[in-house]
Amino acid sequence: MASGKKYKGEPAKKQERAGAGAPSSSERVRDSAERMTNRGAERSRKNTSGSLALIATPIGNSADISLRALDTLRKAELIFCEDTRQTQKLLMMHGITGKKLVAAHQHNEAAAAKKILEEINAGKTIAYASDAGLPLISDPGETIMQVMIEEGVNVTSIPGANAALTALQLSGLPPLPFYFAGFLPPKTKARKDALKLLHSIPATLVFYEAPHRLAETLADMLAVLGNRHAAYARELTKMHEEVQRGTLSELSKHTEKQERIRGECVICIAPPDAETAQHDDADEIDKLLLSALQTLSPRDAAFDVAAKTGQQRRALYQRILELKSNTR
């Protein structure tokens, strides 16, 4: 986990309106996955000797690396990593020397993916490690993984430490189901907009946050999500590990009193209570229906919202009639 990583939901890809003949988002994801699988199957014979291993690294305590990860790093002919300095320190701690390290971070990932592919096609065994935790999980690696799948490369994951799951264990909140949202946008308005989309999810919410934004983020969470039970953890697995539990109001007040907060933070927030979630879901459905009615007929609006939400079309159509009746 590293601060400042781009929040996965932040790059707002424009949503296409689901009209006649337009594929749904689930269909587009499925089609993309099928294309990648087909390409990978066609090319898999090209990459029978080289391989890529995604290495989980410690999130704080250097002893939290697996024996399998160390063995893989020792055997790797080339190691790509988010920060060569951090990975070099880890290797030295465990007596691994003489390894060539190549940077592969969020600013050069596309070029790094091409380089990794070239090395694998040459028959080399490659390892990839982010600074802390699991590659791809709020860390670089997504582009690399997509290229490897498309090209039929043999990829394996060496599991290990993860800050989100560790914090969830210690939070005291319901562990299942949970929804991991990664980093929220750094600006207040965008952050609140992102939180509104998560408001009614019936699951424990888990976020990463930089220490210097913890207080303002907790305040925004209180404003958008209400005064739910929550917890935040910082310096996980380190000497000064801390877990604070309470309501969002209590946690917000606690952080406001802190002069300086150190260490990457994980925030866990309890699900909304059933009554609140049901009420919020109904309000959200009404908003979607009214928005769809601006450009669609009642029948088409019901189809559109049904496709987006999974609600029954007939029930949505009846609700449209009720809304129209109330506005007369």
Protein backbone atom coordinates (compact mmCIF):
# COMPACT_ATOMS: atom_id res chain seq x y z
CA MET A 1 0.00 0.00 0.00
CA ALA A 2 1.37 3.40 -0.88
CA SER A 3 -0.14 6.85 -0.39
CA GLY A 4 -1.09 8.90 -3.37
CA LYS A 5 -1.99 5.89 -5.52
CA LYS A 6 -4.79 6.67 -7.87
CA TYR A 7 -8.12 5.58 -6.50
CA LYS A 8 -9.46 2.90 -8.80
CA GLY A 9 -12.87 4.49 -9.00
CA GLU A 10 -11.48 8.01 -9.53
CA PRO A 11 -10.86 8.05 -13.29
CA ALA A 12 -14.47 8.63 -14.18
CA LYS A 13 -15.01 6.68 -17.37
CA LYS A 14 -18.11 7.97 -19.02
CA GLN A 15 -21.06 5.66 -18.61
CA GLU A 16 -22.95 4.93 -21.79
CA ARG A 17 -26.69 5.10 -21.52
CA ALA A 18 -28.18 1.64 -21.83
CA GLY A 19 -30.38 2.15 -24.88
CA ALA A 20 -31.65 -0.23 -27.52
CA GLY A 21 -28.84 -2.38 -28.86
CA ALA A 22 -26.22 -0.98 -26.45
CA PRO A 23 -24.36 -3.69 -24.49
CA SER A 24 -24.62 -3.53 -20.70
CA SER A 25 -21.53 -3.01 -18.55
CA SER A 26 -21.62 -6.66 -17.49
CA GLU A 27 -21.76 -7.75 -21.14
CA ARG A 28 -18.79 -5.51 -22.02
CA VAL A 29 -16.75 -6.98 -19.14
CA ARG A 30 -17.69 -10.51 -20.17
CA ASP A 31 -16.85 -9.87 -23.84
CA SER A 32 -13.51 -8.34 -22.88
CA ALA A 33 -12.70 -11.32 -20.65
CA GLU A 34 -13.61 -13.74 -23.44
CA ARG A 35 -11.38 -11.90 -25.91
CA MET A 36 -8.48 -11.94 -23.47
CA THR A 37 -9.02 -15.65 -22.76
CA ASN A 38 -9.18 -16.52 -26.45
CA ARG A 39 -6.05 -14.54 -27.23
CA GLY A 40 -4.27 -16.13 -24.30
CA ALA A 41 -5.27 -19.62 -25.45
CA GLU A 42 -4.05 -18.92 -28.98
CA ARG A 43 -0.68 -17.65 -27.76
CA SER A 44 -0.10 -19.89 -24.77
CA ARG A 45 2.22 -22.21 -26.74
CA LYS A 46 4.57 -19.27 -27.35
CA ASN A 47 5.36 -18.84 -23.65
CA THR A 48 5.98 -22.33 -22.33
CA SER A 49 9.36 -21.63 -20.71
CA GLY A 50 9.21 -18.11 -19.26
CA SER A 51 6.86 -17.12 -16.42
CA LEU A 52 5.89 -14.28 -14.10
CA ALA A 53 5.33 -14.45 -10.33
CA LEU A 54 3.50 -11.67 -8.46
CA ILE A 55 5.17 -11.42 -5.05
CA ALA A 56 3.41 -10.25 -1.89
CA THR A 57 5.81 -8.26 0.30
CA PRO A 58 5.56 -7.24 3.98
CA ILE A 59 3.35 -4.28 4.88
CA GLY A 60 5.57 -3.23 7.77
CA ASN A 61 7.30 -6.10 9.51
CA SER A 62 10.04 -7.51 7.28
CA ALA A 63 9.61 -10.96 8.85
CA ASP A 64 6.14 -11.26 7.29
CA ILE A 65 7.42 -12.56 3.97
CA SER A 66 6.75 -16.18 3.09
CA LEU A 67 9.38 -18.85 2.51
CA ARG A 68 7.89 -19.38 -0.94
CA ALA A 69 8.27 -15.67 -1.77
CA LEU A 70 11.93 -15.71 -0.75
CA ASP A 71 12.57 -18.88 -2.76
CA THR A 72 10.90 -17.32 -5.81
CA LEU A 73 12.96 -14.14 -5.49
CA ARG A 74 16.16 -16.16 -5.23
CA LYS A 75 15.34 -18.14 -8.36
CA ALA A 76 14.07 -15.19 -10.43
CA GLU A 77 16.38 -14.22 -13.27
CA LEU A 78 15.04 -10.66 -13.25
CA ILE A 79 13.01 -8.76 -10.64
CA PHE A 80 10.68 -5.92 -11.62
CA CYS A 81 9.49 -3.81 -8.71
CA GLU A 82 7.62 -0.65 -7.81
CA ASP A 83 10.67 0.91 -6.14
CA THR A 84 14.09 -0.67 -6.63
CA ARG A 85 15.39 0.86 -3.38
CA GLN A 86 12.65 -0.69 -1.25
CA THR A 87 12.98 -4.08 -2.87
CA GLN A 88 16.78 -3.99 -2.57
CA LYS A 89 16.44 -3.42 1.19
CA LEU A 90 14.11 -6.40 1.47
CA LEU A 91 16.47 -8.63 -0.50
CA MET A 92 19.47 -7.61 1.61
CA MET A 93 17.58 -8.33 4.85
CA HIS A 94 17.13 -11.91 3.70
CA GLY A 95 20.57 -12.41 2.19
CA ILE A 96 19.53 -12.32 -1.46
CA THR A 97 22.24 -10.68 -3.56
CA GLY A 98 23.31 -10.29 -7.17
CA LYS A 99 19.83 -9.63 -8.53
CA LYS A 100 19.06 -7.15 -11.30
CA LEU A 101 16.14 -4.90 -10.34
CA VAL A 102 14.04 -2.96 -12.87
CA ALA A 103 11.52 -0.26 -11.88
CA ALA A 104 7.89 -0.88 -12.86
CA HIS A 105 5.59 1.72 -11.29
CA GLN A 106 2.41 3.61 -12.14
CA HIS A 107 4.26 6.08 -14.40
CA ASN A 108 5.99 3.51 -16.63
CA GLU A 109 3.86 0.41 -16.24
CA ALA A 110 2.86 0.07 -19.91
CA ALA A 111 6.50 0.20 -21.05
CA ALA A 112 7.51 -2.14 -18.22
CA ALA A 113 4.85 -4.65 -19.28
CA LYS A 114 6.36 -4.78 -22.79
CA LYS A 115 9.82 -5.32 -21.32
CA ILE A 116 8.57 -8.10 -19.04
CA LEU A 117 6.91 -9.79 -22.01
CA GLU A 118 10.15 -9.62 -24.02
CA GLU A 119 12.10 -11.23 -21.19
CA ILE A 120 9.50 -13.96 -20.69
CA ASN A 121 9.42 -14.71 -24.42
CA ALA A 122 13.19 -15.12 -24.15
CA GLY A 123 12.53 -17.87 -21.61
CA LYS A 124 13.34 -15.99 -18.40
CA THR A 125 11.69 -16.43 -14.99
CA ILE A 126 10.46 -13.01 -13.80
CA ALA A 127 9.24 -11.78 -10.41
CA TYR A 128 7.24 -8.61 -9.79
CA ALA A 129 6.88 -6.99 -6.35
CA SER A 130 5.24 -3.78 -5.18
CA ASP A 131 6.55 -1.80 -2.20
CA ALA A 132 4.22 -3.39 0.35
CA GLY A 133 1.41 -5.91 0.18
CA LEU A 134 -0.09 -7.45 -2.94
CA PRO A 135 0.63 -6.13 -6.44
CA LEU A 136 -2.50 -4.73 -8.16
CA ILE A 137 -4.37 -4.16 -4.88
CA SER A 138 -4.21 -0.34 -4.75
CA ASP A 139 -0.73 -0.76 -6.22
CA PRO A 140 0.69 -1.03 -9.76
CA GLY A 141 0.38 -4.25 -11.74
CA GLU A 142 -3.02 -4.16 -13.45
CA THR A 143 -1.62 -3.22 -16.87
CA ILE A 144 1.14 -5.81 -16.52
CA MET A 145 -1.40 -8.51 -15.68
CA GLN A 146 -3.67 -7.62 -18.60
CA VAL A 147 -0.77 -7.82 -21.06
CA MET A 148 0.35 -11.18 -19.68
CA ILE A 149 -3.14 -12.65 -19.97
CA GLU A 150 -3.59 -11.38 -23.52
CA GLU A 151 -0.25 -12.91 -24.52
CA GLY A 152 -0.86 -16.26 -22.85
CA VAL A 153 1.92 -15.90 -20.28
CA ASN A 154 2.01 -18.23 -17.30
CA VAL A 155 1.40 -16.02 -14.22
CA THR A 156 1.22 -17.12 -10.60
CA SER A 157 0.66 -15.23 -7.35
CA ILE A 158 2.75 -15.71 -4.22
CA PRO A 159 0.29 -14.67 -1.47
CA GLY A 160 1.13 -12.85 1.72
CA ALA A 161 0.48 -9.75 3.82
CA ASN A 162 -2.43 -7.45 3.04
CA ALA A 163 -3.29 -4.31 5.00
CA ALA A 164 -7.02 -4.29 4.17
CA LEU A 165 -7.66 -7.82 5.45
CA THR A 166 -5.43 -7.32 8.49
CA ALA A 167 -7.35 -4.18 9.49
CA LEU A 168 -10.68 -5.89 8.88
CA GLN A 169 -9.64 -8.68 11.26
CA LEU A 170 -8.81 -6.14 13.98
CA SER A 171 -11.73 -3.77 13.42
CA GLY A 172 -14.35 -5.67 15.39
CA LEU A 173 -16.83 -5.06 12.56
CA PRO A 174 -18.68 -7.73 10.55
CA PRO A 175 -16.00 -9.36 8.36
CA LEU A 176 -18.42 -10.64 5.72
CA PRO A 177 -19.48 -9.34 3.38
CA PHE A 178 -16.98 -6.53 2.94
CA TYR A 179 -16.37 -4.06 0.11
CA PHE A 180 -12.82 -2.87 -0.54
CA ALA A 181 -12.74 0.57 -2.18
CA GLY A 182 -9.02 1.33 -2.00
CA PHE A 183 -8.05 5.01 -1.93
CA LEU A 184 -10.75 7.65 -2.17
CA PRO A 185 -10.14 10.77 -4.28
CA PRO A 186 -7.96 13.35 -2.48
CA LYS A 187 -10.29 16.33 -3.06
CA THR A 188 -13.30 16.81 -0.78
CA LYS A 189 -16.03 17.10 -3.44
CA ALA A 190 -14.85 14.08 -5.42
CA ARG A 191 -14.38 12.14 -2.20
CA LYS A 192 -17.94 12.87 -1.05
CA ASP A 193 -19.31 11.95 -4.48
CA ALA A 194 -17.49 8.61 -4.30
CA LEU A 195 -18.83 7.96 -0.80
CA LYS A 196 -22.40 8.66 -1.93
CA LEU A 197 -22.11 5.80 -4.41
CA LEU A 198 -21.13 3.47 -1.55
CA HIS A 199 -23.71 4.73 0.92
CA SER A 200 -26.23 1.90 0.65
CA ILE A 201 -23.92 -1.08 0.13
CA PRO A 202 -24.90 -3.71 2.74
CA ALA A 203 -21.32 -4.58 3.65
CA THR A 204 -18.42 -3.39 5.79
CA LEU A 205 -16.55 -0.76 3.77
CA VAL A 206 -12.75 -0.84 3.72
CA PHE A 207 -10.56 2.05 2.52
CA TYR A 208 -6.91 3.00 2.36
CA GLU A 209 -5.94 6.56 3.28
CA ALA A 210 -2.79 8.63 3.63
CA PRO A 211 -2.11 9.81 7.22
CA HIS A 212 -2.23 13.52 6.36
CA ARG A 213 -5.76 13.12 4.95
CA LEU A 214 -7.19 10.86 7.67
CA ALA A 215 -8.96 13.58 9.68
CA GLU A 216 -10.67 15.24 6.71
CA THR A 217 -11.64 11.89 5.21
CA LEU A 218 -13.26 10.73 8.46
CA ALA A 219 -15.17 14.03 8.61
CA ASP A 220 -16.45 13.51 5.06
CA MET A 221 -17.42 9.92 5.86
CA LEU A 222 -19.43 11.14 8.85
CA ALA A 223 -21.18 13.74 6.70
CA VAL A 224 -22.08 11.31 3.90
CA LEU A 225 -22.50 7.93 5.60
CA GLY A 226 -23.85 9.03 8.98
CA ASN A 227 -22.53 8.19 12.42
CA ARG A 228 -21.78 4.50 11.88
CA HIS A 229 -19.49 2.31 13.92
CA ALA A 230 -16.00 2.26 12.42
CA ALA A 231 -12.34 1.65 13.07
CA TYR A 232 -9.05 2.80 11.64
CA ALA A 233 -5.71 1.05 11.82
CA ARG A 234 -2.26 2.45 11.17
CA GLU A 235 1.33 1.20 11.32
CA LEU A 236 0.00 -2.34 10.94
CA THR A 237 2.48 -5.10 11.91
CA LYS A 238 4.95 -2.47 13.17
CA MET A 239 6.09 -1.64 16.71
CA HIS A 240 3.64 1.27 17.04
CA GLU A 241 0.63 -0.50 15.53
CA GLU A 242 -2.60 1.25 16.52
CA VAL A 243 -6.28 0.41 16.08
CA GLN A 244 -8.92 2.96 17.08
CA ARG A 245 -12.55 1.86 17.32
CA GLY A 246 -15.72 3.87 17.84
CA THR A 247 -18.32 5.81 15.90
CA LEU A 248 -17.27 7.98 12.97
CA SER A 249 -18.01 11.02 15.14
CA GLU A 250 -15.70 9.77 17.90
CA LEU A 251 -12.93 8.84 15.48
CA SER A 252 -13.21 12.17 13.69
CA LYS A 253 -12.86 14.08 16.97
CA HIS A 254 -9.95 11.88 18.02
CA THR A 255 -7.97 12.54 14.84
CA GLU A 256 -8.65 16.27 14.97
CA LYS A 257 -6.75 16.38 18.28
CA GLN A 258 -3.68 14.64 16.83
CA GLU A 259 -0.86 17.00 15.84
CA ARG A 260 0.64 14.51 13.41
CA ILE A 261 -0.51 11.08 12.34
CA ARG A 262 2.12 8.69 11.01
CA GLY A 263 1.84 5.56 8.93
CA GLU A 264 -0.51 4.46 6.19
CA CYS A 265 -4.08 4.03 7.41
CA VAL A 266 -6.90 1.59 6.77
CA ILE A 267 -10.47 2.67 7.57
CA CYS A 268 -13.26 0.14 8.13
CA ILE A 269 -16.91 1.26 8.37
CA ALA A 270 -19.89 -0.82 9.46
CA PRO A 271 -22.74 -1.50 7.01
CA PRO A 272 -25.88 0.66 7.18
CA ASP A 273 -28.65 -0.78 9.32
CA ALA A 274 -31.33 -2.65 7.37
CA GLU A 275 -34.01 0.03 7.73
CA THR A 276 -31.69 2.81 6.54
CA ALA A 277 -30.42 0.73 3.63
CA GLN A 278 -33.95 -0.11 2.46
CA HIS A 279 -34.98 3.54 2.63
CA ASP A 280 -31.85 4.71 0.82
CA ASP A 281 -32.27 2.05 -1.89
CA ALA A 282 -35.82 3.22 -2.58
CA ASP A 283 -34.68 6.83 -2.82
CA GLU A 284 -31.88 5.86 -5.21
CA ILE A 285 -34.30 3.90 -7.43
CA ASP A 286 -36.58 6.92 -7.62
CA LYS A 287 -33.66 9.12 -8.65
CA LEU A 288 -32.69 6.68 -11.39
CA LEU A 289 -36.27 6.49 -12.65
CA LEU A 290 -36.71 10.25 -12.74
CA SER A 291 -33.39 10.65 -14.54
CA ALA A 292 -34.30 8.02 -17.13
CA LEU A 293 -37.70 9.62 -17.71
CA GLN A 294 -36.01 12.79 -18.92
CA THR A 295 -35.01 11.05 -22.15
CA LEU A 296 -37.04 7.81 -22.26
CA SER A 297 -40.66 6.73 -22.30
CA PRO A 298 -42.02 5.18 -19.07
CA ARG A 299 -41.74 1.70 -20.60
CA ASP A 300 -38.15 2.21 -21.75
CA ALA A 301 -37.21 3.90 -18.47
CA ALA A 302 -38.43 0.83 -16.56
CA PHE A 303 -36.36 -1.43 -18.82
CA ASP A 304 -33.31 0.81 -18.41
CA VAL A 305 -33.41 0.93 -14.61
CA ALA A 306 -34.23 -2.78 -14.39
CA ALA A 307 -31.07 -3.54 -16.37
CA LYS A 308 -28.98 -1.35 -14.08
CA THR A 309 -30.38 -2.49 -10.73
CA GLY A 310 -31.78 -5.98 -11.19
CA GLN A 311 -35.20 -4.79 -9.96
CA GLN A 312 -38.36 -6.21 -11.53
CA ARG A 313 -39.46 -4.24 -14.61
CA ARG A 314 -43.16 -4.39 -13.73
CA ALA A 315 -42.56 -3.05 -10.23
CA LEU A 316 -40.44 -0.22 -11.64
CA TYR A 317 -43.10 0.64 -14.22
CA GLN A 318 -45.71 0.77 -11.45
CA ARG A 319 -43.43 3.06 -9.45
CA ILE A 320 -43.11 5.36 -12.48
CA LEU A 321 -46.88 5.66 -12.63
CA GLU A 322 -46.94 6.53 -8.92
CA LEU A 323 -44.25 9.17 -9.39
CA LYS A 324 -46.13 10.70 -12.30
CA SER A 325 -49.32 10.72 -10.27
CA ASN A 326 -47.58 12.48 -7.35
CA THR A 327 -46.25 15.25 -9.62
CA ARG A 328 -49.65 16.19 -11.07
